[in-house]
Amino acid sequence: MILVRIVKNIIQYLTEGFIEIFSPEHDSYPLIGIQPYSGTINSNSSNYW
């Protein structure tokens, strides 16, 4: 009986974490759309590859 309760608690813990991570409530992005990149590219960084 104790083993069943432990397994139930583990499954509940993992399920609640999964729901918390993948719930759509956390995906509240602004409605402004994609912003273009307006910065400059550092030409010196390609020398270090």
PDB file of N, CA and C in Angstrom:
ATOM      1  N   MET A   1       0.813  -1.181   0.000  1.00  0.00           N
ATOM      2  CA  MET A   1       0.000   0.000   0.000  1.00  0.00           C
ATOM      3  C   MET A   1       0.867   1.259   0.000  1.00  0.00           C
ATOM      4  N   ILE A   2       1.960   1.217   0.742  1.00  0.00           N
ATOM      5  CA  ILE A   2       2.856   2.368   0.796  1.00  0.00           C
ATOM      6  C   ILE A   2       3.541   2.563  -0.551  1.00  0.00           C
ATOM      7  N   LEU A   3       3.919   1.471  -1.195  1.00  0.00           N
ATOM      8  CA  LEU A   3       4.572   1.547  -2.497  1.00  0.00           C
ATOM      9  C   LEU A   3       3.643   2.165  -3.533  1.00  0.00           C
ATOM     10  N   VAL A   4       2.376   1.812  -3.499  1.00  0.00           N
ATOM     11  CA  VAL A   4       1.404   2.372  -4.440  1.00  0.00           C
ATOM     12  C   VAL A   4       1.276   3.873  -4.222  1.00  0.00           C
ATOM     13  N   ARG A   5       1.266   4.309  -2.969  1.00  0.00           N
ATOM     14  CA  ARG A   5       1.150   5.732  -2.661  1.00  0.00           C
ATOM     15  C   ARG A   5       2.395   6.494  -3.117  1.00  0.00           C
ATOM     16  N   ILE A   6       3.569   5.899  -2.955  1.00  0.00           N
ATOM     17  CA  ILE A   6       4.814   6.537  -3.388  1.00  0.00           C
ATOM     18  C   ILE A   6       4.836   6.681  -4.904  1.00  0.00           C
ATOM     19  N   VAL A   7       4.461   5.630  -5.611  1.00  0.00           N
ATOM     20  CA  VAL A   7       4.425   5.685  -7.076  1.00  0.00           C
ATOM     21  C   VAL A   7       3.406   6.720  -7.539  1.00  0.00           C
ATOM     22  N   LYS A   8       2.255   6.777  -6.884  1.00  0.00           N
ATOM     23  CA  LYS A   8       1.225   7.763  -7.228  1.00  0.00           C
ATOM     24  C   LYS A   8       1.742   9.182  -7.021  1.00  0.00           C
ATOM     25  N   ASN A   9       2.449   9.425  -5.928  1.00  0.00           N
ATOM     26  CA  ASN A   9       2.997  10.755  -5.656  1.00  0.00           C
ATOM     27  C   ASN A   9       4.071  11.140  -6.666  1.00  0.00           C
ATOM     28  N   ILE A  10       4.893  10.187  -7.072  1.00  0.00           N
ATOM     29  CA  ILE A  10       5.928  10.463  -8.072  1.00  0.00           C
ATOM     30  C   ILE A  10       5.294  10.811  -9.410  1.00  0.00           C
ATOM     31  N   ILE A  11       4.294  10.041  -9.821  1.00  0.00           N
ATOM     32  CA  ILE A  11       3.616  10.317 -11.088  1.00  0.00           C
ATOM     33  C   ILE A  11       2.921  11.669 -11.035  1.00  0.00           C
ATOM     34  N   GLN A  12       2.296  11.997  -9.918  1.00  0.00           N
ATOM     35  CA  GLN A  12       1.624  13.286  -9.774  1.00  0.00           C
ATOM     36  C   GLN A  12       2.637  14.426  -9.822  1.00  0.00           C
ATOM     37  N   TYR A  13       3.771  14.266  -9.184  1.00  0.00           N
ATOM     38  CA  TYR A  13       4.816  15.285  -9.180  1.00  0.00           C
ATOM     39  C   TYR A  13       5.335  15.546 -10.589  1.00  0.00           C
ATOM     40  N   LEU A  14       5.610  14.483 -11.331  1.00  0.00           N
ATOM     41  CA  LEU A  14       6.110  14.632 -12.695  1.00  0.00           C
ATOM     42  C   LEU A  14       5.054  15.223 -13.619  1.00  0.00           C
ATOM     43  N   THR A  15       3.807  14.820 -13.454  1.00  0.00           N
ATOM     44  CA  THR A  15       2.731  15.337 -14.290  1.00  0.00           C
ATOM     45  C   THR A  15       2.509  16.821 -14.041  1.00  0.00           C
ATOM     46  N   GLU A  16       2.532  17.248 -12.789  1.00  0.00           N
ATOM     47  CA  GLU A  16       2.355  18.665 -12.487  1.00  0.00           C
ATOM     48  C   GLU A  16       3.503  19.498 -13.051  1.00  0.00           C
ATOM     49  N   GLY A  17       4.711  18.983 -13.002  1.00  0.00           N
ATOM     50  CA  GLY A  17       5.841  19.686 -13.600  1.00  0.00           C
ATOM     51  C   GLY A  17       5.712  19.798 -15.103  1.00  0.00           C
ATOM     52  N   PHE A  18       5.273  18.720 -15.743  1.00  0.00           N
ATOM     53  CA  PHE A  18       5.070  18.730 -17.190  1.00  0.00           C
ATOM     54  C   PHE A  18       4.006  19.750 -17.577  1.00  0.00           C
ATOM     55  N   ILE A  19       2.914  19.783 -16.834  1.00  0.00           N
ATOM     56  CA  ILE A  19       1.839  20.740 -17.121  1.00  0.00           C
ATOM     57  C   ILE A  19       2.322  22.167 -16.893  1.00  0.00           C
ATOM     58  N   GLU A  20       3.117  22.391 -15.869  1.00  0.00           N
ATOM     59  CA  GLU A  20       3.622  23.731 -15.582  1.00  0.00           C
ATOM     60  C   GLU A  20       4.552  24.221 -16.688  1.00  0.00           C
ATOM     61  N   ILE A  21       5.375  23.341 -17.207  1.00  0.00           N
ATOM     62  CA  ILE A  21       6.321  23.737 -18.250  1.00  0.00           C
ATOM     63  C   ILE A  21       5.615  23.994 -19.570  1.00  0.00           C
ATOM     64  N   PHE A  22       4.696  23.123 -19.955  1.00  0.00           N
ATOM     65  CA  PHE A  22       4.113  23.183 -21.281  1.00  0.00           C
ATOM     66  C   PHE A  22       2.723  23.808 -21.323  1.00  0.00           C
ATOM     67  N   SER A  23       2.307  24.474 -20.276  1.00  0.00           N
ATOM     68  CA  SER A  23       0.994  25.115 -20.311  1.00  0.00           C
ATOM     69  C   SER A  23       1.073  26.380 -21.161  1.00  0.00           C
ATOM     70  N   PRO A  24       0.014  26.703 -21.896  1.00  0.00           N
ATOM     71  CA  PRO A  24       0.042  27.870 -22.775  1.00  0.00           C
ATOM     72  C   PRO A  24       0.019  29.190 -22.020  1.00  0.00           C
ATOM     73  N   GLU A  25      -0.204  29.187 -20.728  1.00  0.00           N
ATOM     74  CA  GLU A  25      -0.239  30.424 -19.964  1.00  0.00           C
ATOM     75  C   GLU A  25       1.116  31.123 -19.946  1.00  0.00           C
ATOM     76  N   HIS A  26       2.199  30.376 -20.065  1.00  0.00           N
ATOM     77  CA  HIS A  26       3.532  30.955 -20.010  1.00  0.00           C
ATOM     78  C   HIS A  26       4.002  31.460 -21.372  1.00  0.00           C
ATOM     79  N   ASP A  27       3.233  31.208 -22.406  1.00  0.00           N
ATOM     80  CA  ASP A  27       3.610  31.635 -23.745  1.00  0.00           C
ATOM     81  C   ASP A  27       2.869  32.911 -24.126  1.00  0.00           C
ATOM     82  N   SER A  28       2.941  33.929 -23.299  1.00  0.00           N
ATOM     83  CA  SER A  28       2.248  35.180 -23.579  1.00  0.00           C
ATOM     84  C   SER A  28       3.227  36.167 -24.215  1.00  0.00           C
ATOM     85  N   TYR A  29       3.513  35.937 -25.469  1.00  0.00           N
ATOM     86  CA  TYR A  29       4.416  36.804 -26.197  1.00  0.00           C
ATOM     87  C   TYR A  29       3.680  38.070 -26.622  1.00  0.00           C
ATOM     88  N   PRO A  30       4.368  39.195 -26.788  1.00  0.00           N
ATOM     89  CA  PRO A  30       3.694  40.412 -27.230  1.00  0.00           C
ATOM     90  C   PRO A  30       3.183  40.273 -28.660  1.00  0.00           C
ATOM     91  N   LEU A  31       2.171  41.016 -28.996  1.00  0.00           N
ATOM     92  CA  LEU A  31       1.541  40.921 -30.311  1.00  0.00           C
ATOM     93  C   LEU A  31       2.214  41.809 -31.349  1.00  0.00           C
ATOM     94  N   ILE A  32       3.463  42.219 -31.124  1.00  0.00           N
ATOM     95  CA  ILE A  32       4.125  43.139 -32.033  1.00  0.00           C
ATOM     96  C   ILE A  32       4.813  42.429 -33.192  1.00  0.00           C
ATOM     97  N   GLY A  33       4.925  41.132 -33.140  1.00  0.00           N
ATOM     98  CA  GLY A  33       5.521  40.381 -34.237  1.00  0.00           C
ATOM     99  C   GLY A  33       7.021  40.246 -34.103  1.00  0.00           C
ATOM    100  N   ILE A  34       7.643  39.782 -35.173  1.00  0.00           N
ATOM    101  CA  ILE A  34       9.085  39.544 -35.190  1.00  0.00           C
ATOM    102  C   ILE A  34       9.803  40.866 -35.420  1.00  0.00           C
ATOM    103  N   GLN A  35      10.826  41.111 -34.639  1.00  0.00           N
ATOM    104  CA  GLN A  35      11.598  42.336 -34.766  1.00  0.00           C
ATOM    105  C   GLN A  35      12.843  42.063 -35.606  1.00  0.00           C
ATOM    106  N   PRO A  36      13.119  42.908 -36.595  1.00  0.00           N
ATOM    107  CA  PRO A  36      14.316  42.703 -37.416  1.00  0.00           C
ATOM    108  C   PRO A  36      15.575  43.031 -36.623  1.00  0.00           C
ATOM    109  N   TYR A  37      16.667  42.403 -37.008  1.00  0.00           N
ATOM    110  CA  TYR A  37      17.951  42.669 -36.369  1.00  0.00           C
ATOM    111  C   TYR A  37      18.494  43.968 -36.923  1.00  0.00           C
ATOM    112  N   SER A  38      18.752  44.929 -36.054  1.00  0.00           N
ATOM    113  CA  SER A  38      19.212  46.233 -36.520  1.00  0.00           C
ATOM    114  C   SER A  38      20.626  46.538 -36.049  1.00  0.00           C
ATOM    115  N   GLY A  39      21.343  45.551 -35.569  1.00  0.00           N
ATOM    116  CA  GLY A  39      22.701  45.763 -35.085  1.00  0.00           C
ATOM    117  C   GLY A  39      23.727  45.601 -36.195  1.00  0.00           C
ATOM    118  N   THR A  40      24.967  45.773 -35.831  1.00  0.00           N
ATOM    119  CA  THR A  40      26.049  45.606 -36.793  1.00  0.00           C
ATOM    120  C   THR A  40      26.785  44.310 -36.479  1.00  0.00           C
ATOM    121  N   ILE A  41      27.307  43.671 -37.488  1.00  0.00           N
ATOM    122  CA  ILE A  41      28.033  42.422 -37.331  1.00  0.00           C
ATOM    123  C   ILE A  41      29.498  42.738 -37.063  1.00  0.00           C
ATOM    124  N   ASN A  42      30.069  42.092 -36.074  1.00  0.00           N
ATOM    125  CA  ASN A  42      31.459  42.292 -35.729  1.00  0.00           C
ATOM    126  C   ASN A  42      32.313  41.485 -36.701  1.00  0.00           C
ATOM    127  N   SER A  43      33.046  42.157 -37.556  1.00  0.00           N
ATOM    128  CA  SER A  43      33.849  41.454 -38.559  1.00  0.00           C
ATOM    129  C   SER A  43      35.079  40.799 -37.940  1.00  0.00           C
ATOM    130  N   ASN A  44      35.520  41.241 -36.774  1.00  0.00           N
ATOM    131  CA  ASN A  44      36.704  40.659 -36.136  1.00  0.00           C
ATOM    132  C   ASN A  44      36.425  39.290 -35.530  1.00  0.00           C
ATOM    133  N   SER A  45      35.162  38.979 -35.248  1.00  0.00           N
ATOM    134  CA  SER A  45      34.868  37.707 -34.599  1.00  0.00           C
ATOM    135  C   SER A  45      35.084  36.525 -35.533  1.00  0.00           C
ATOM    136  N   SER A  46      35.041  36.727 -36.838  1.00  0.00           N
ATOM    137  CA  SER A  46      35.250  35.623 -37.766  1.00  0.00           C
ATOM    138  C   SER A  46      36.715  35.203 -37.840  1.00  0.00           C
ATOM    139  N   ASN A  47      37.620  36.020 -37.347  1.00  0.00           N
ATOM    140  CA  ASN A  47      39.042  35.679 -37.368  1.00  0.00           C
ATOM    141  C   ASN A  47      39.409  34.625 -36.325  1.00  0.00           C
ATOM    142  N   TYR A  48      38.555  34.407 -35.330  1.00  0.00           N
ATOM    143  CA  TYR A  48      38.864  33.484 -34.245  1.00  0.00           C
ATOM    144  C   TYR A  48      38.356  32.084 -34.500  1.00  0.00           C
ATOM    145  N   TRP A  49      37.733  31.816 -35.584  1.00  0.00           N
ATOM    146  CA  TRP A  49      37.235  30.471 -35.877  1.00  0.00           C
ATOM    147  C   TRP A  49      38.319  29.666 -36.443  1.00  0.00           C
TER     148      TRP A  49
END
